């Protein structure tokens, strides 16, 4: 049977079937293999980061779609830290550290903004960047960080020691 002779109803059903399969494949390709949820529907847990004090130069953060490989960091008060960042995902990511009081000054950080921000502020998939900042001299403080593009999925905490 030739395709141009198919009844309209069969053509619509065929189109919808192809669209459904394509949507499933696209959605499945956006799931990181490490993000498998339990069969009971529970969501995956965030990975734990380093424990204890972390000296400058010992931290490296990898970003994937959509998580940081370290969500808990402990940094010494008053030290200047440079964190290498690698985006192994396909989406654009960044790392934004909250300012005083634990709030973020803007929806999207920038190099000239008040909060510490990754350089570049938009790290494309497969690219790298850094984040350099001075840890506040307030031992015991808990400072949130996030990816501005995925703030509910990609977030963590810096504990000042």
Protein backbone atom coordinates (compact mmCIF):
# COMPACT_ATOMS: atom_id res chain seq x y z
CA UNK A 1 0.00 0.00 0.00
CA UNK A 2 1.35 3.45 -0.89
CA UNK A 3 1.69 6.05 1.86
CA UNK A 4 -0.14 8.71 -0.14
CA UNK A 5 -3.20 6.46 -0.22
CA UNK A 6 -3.44 5.89 3.58
CA UNK A 7 -6.69 7.05 5.16
CA UNK A 8 -6.33 10.22 7.21
CA UNK A 9 -7.09 8.45 10.52
CA UNK A 10 -4.29 5.91 10.02
CA UNK A 11 -1.85 8.69 9.11
CA UNK A 12 -2.70 10.61 12.30
CA UNK A 13 -2.31 7.50 14.49
CA UNK A 14 1.03 6.75 12.81
CA UNK A 15 2.25 10.31 13.39
CA UNK A 16 1.22 10.24 17.06
CA UNK A 17 2.99 6.90 17.56
CA UNK A 18 6.22 8.24 16.05
CA UNK A 19 5.96 11.43 18.15
CA UNK A 20 5.42 9.40 21.34
CA UNK A 21 8.46 7.19 20.66
CA UNK A 22 10.60 10.25 19.85
CA UNK A 23 9.52 12.01 23.07
CA UNK A 24 10.36 8.90 25.11
CA UNK A 25 13.82 8.64 23.53
CA UNK A 26 14.59 12.33 24.09
CA UNK A 27 13.43 12.17 27.73
CA UNK A 28 15.43 9.00 28.34
CA UNK A 29 18.61 10.51 26.85
CA UNK A 30 18.38 13.43 29.32
CA UNK A 31 18.55 11.12 32.35
CA UNK A 32 22.05 10.73 33.77
CA UNK A 33 22.90 7.03 34.31
CA UNK A 34 23.73 7.85 37.94
CA UNK A 35 20.26 9.33 38.47
CA UNK A 36 18.24 6.11 38.42
CA UNK A 37 15.24 6.38 40.69
CA UNK A 38 13.94 3.48 42.75
CA UNK A 39 11.13 1.39 41.29
CA UNK A 40 8.86 2.73 44.02
CA UNK A 41 9.07 6.18 42.45
CA UNK A 42 11.38 7.72 45.02
CA UNK A 43 13.79 10.29 43.74
CA UNK A 44 17.54 9.72 43.72
CA UNK A 45 19.57 11.03 46.62
CA UNK A 46 22.23 13.69 46.18
CA UNK A 47 25.79 12.49 46.35
CA UNK A 48 27.72 13.36 49.45
CA UNK A 49 30.83 15.43 49.13
CA UNK A 50 34.11 15.42 50.98
CA UNK A 51 34.05 15.24 54.75
CA UNK A 52 36.34 17.05 57.19
CA UNK A 53 38.40 20.08 56.26
CA UNK A 54 39.24 20.42 52.60
CA UNK A 55 42.45 22.22 51.80
CA UNK A 56 42.63 24.51 48.77
CA UNK A 57 43.60 22.54 45.69
CA UNK A 58 41.90 19.34 46.92
CA UNK A 59 38.44 20.17 45.61
CA UNK A 60 37.29 19.56 42.07
CA UNK A 61 33.62 19.58 41.14
CA UNK A 62 32.07 17.77 38.22
CA UNK A 63 28.65 18.85 36.99
CA UNK A 64 26.33 16.54 35.08
CA UNK A 65 22.71 16.86 34.07
CA UNK A 66 21.51 17.85 36.67
CA UNK A 67 23.75 17.41 39.72
CA UNK A 68 27.02 18.35 41.36
CA UNK A 69 29.22 15.40 42.31
CA UNK A 70 29.88 17.13 45.66
CA UNK A 71 27.03 18.76 47.54
CA UNK A 72 28.70 19.19 50.94
CA UNK A 73 32.03 21.02 51.21
CA UNK A 74 33.98 21.96 54.32
CA UNK A 75 36.42 24.85 53.84
CA UNK A 76 38.76 26.62 56.25
CA UNK A 77 37.72 30.12 57.31
CA UNK A 78 39.55 33.00 55.65
CA UNK A 79 41.27 30.94 52.93
CA UNK A 80 41.24 31.76 49.24
CA UNK A 81 39.95 28.77 47.32
CA UNK A 82 39.96 28.00 43.60
CA UNK A 83 37.63 25.16 42.61
CA UNK A 84 38.10 23.61 39.16
CA UNK A 85 34.71 22.91 37.54
CA UNK A 86 34.04 20.39 34.76
CA UNK A 87 30.71 20.16 32.96
CA UNK A 88 30.29 16.55 31.82
CA UNK A 89 26.63 17.14 31.04
CA UNK A 90 24.99 18.53 27.93
CA UNK A 91 23.15 21.46 29.52
CA UNK A 92 24.73 24.78 30.49
CA UNK A 93 25.71 24.95 34.19
CA UNK A 94 27.48 27.28 36.62
CA UNK A 95 28.27 27.51 40.32
CA UNK A 96 26.97 30.45 42.34
CA UNK A 97 27.83 30.86 46.04
CA UNK A 98 25.34 32.79 48.17
CA UNK A 99 26.39 36.03 49.75
CA UNK A 100 26.03 37.27 53.28
CA UNK A 101 22.95 35.94 55.02
CA UNK A 102 22.79 32.90 52.73
CA UNK A 103 20.78 34.57 49.98
CA UNK A 104 21.62 34.94 46.31
CA UNK A 105 21.90 38.51 45.04
CA UNK A 106 20.58 37.71 41.55
CA UNK A 107 18.85 34.95 39.62
CA UNK A 108 22.03 34.48 37.56
CA UNK A 109 25.47 35.34 38.88
CA UNK A 110 28.13 37.19 36.89
CA UNK A 111 31.84 37.84 37.27
CA UNK A 112 31.11 41.44 38.23
CA UNK A 113 28.29 40.53 40.63
CA UNK A 114 28.37 40.63 44.43
CA UNK A 115 28.35 36.82 44.94
CA UNK A 116 31.19 34.43 44.01
CA UNK A 117 30.43 33.02 40.56
CA UNK A 118 32.06 30.49 38.26
CA UNK A 119 34.26 31.79 35.47
CA UNK A 120 32.76 31.62 32.93
CA UNK A 121 29.30 32.23 34.37
CA UNK A 122 27.85 29.87 31.73
CA UNK A 123 29.83 26.64 31.37
CA UNK A 124 28.70 24.74 28.27
CA UNK A 125 28.53 20.96 28.12
CA UNK A 126 32.04 19.50 27.83
CA UNK A 127 33.69 22.73 28.97
CA UNK A 128 35.55 23.69 32.13
CA UNK A 129 35.74 26.70 34.40
CA UNK A 130 36.84 27.75 37.87
CA UNK A 131 35.38 29.44 40.89
CA UNK A 132 37.75 31.50 43.04
CA UNK A 133 36.65 33.14 46.28
CA UNK A 134 37.71 33.86 49.83
CA UNK A 135 35.90 31.77 52.43
CA UNK A 136 34.27 34.06 55.02
CA UNK A 137 36.05 34.20 58.37
CA UNK A 138 33.00 32.84 60.23
CA UNK A 139 33.63 29.28 61.49
CA UNK A 140 30.45 27.25 61.68
CA UNK A 141 28.69 29.22 58.94
CA UNK A 142 26.70 27.25 56.37
CA UNK A 143 26.79 28.86 52.92
CA UNK A 144 24.50 27.60 50.14
CA UNK A 145 25.67 27.17 46.56
CA UNK A 146 23.75 26.27 43.41
CA UNK A 147 23.64 26.12 39.65
CA UNK A 148 21.59 29.12 38.58
CA UNK A 149 20.21 27.19 35.61
CA UNK A 150 18.97 24.28 37.79
CA UNK A 151 18.60 25.79 41.29
CA UNK A 152 16.24 23.15 42.69
CA UNK A 153 18.20 20.11 41.47
CA UNK A 154 21.78 21.36 41.72
CA UNK A 155 22.54 22.80 45.13
CA UNK A 156 24.76 22.21 48.11
CA UNK A 157 26.30 23.68 51.23
CA UNK A 158 29.74 24.94 52.22
CA UNK A 159 30.48 24.57 55.92
CA UNK A 160 33.14 26.99 57.19
CA UNK A 161 35.58 25.35 59.62
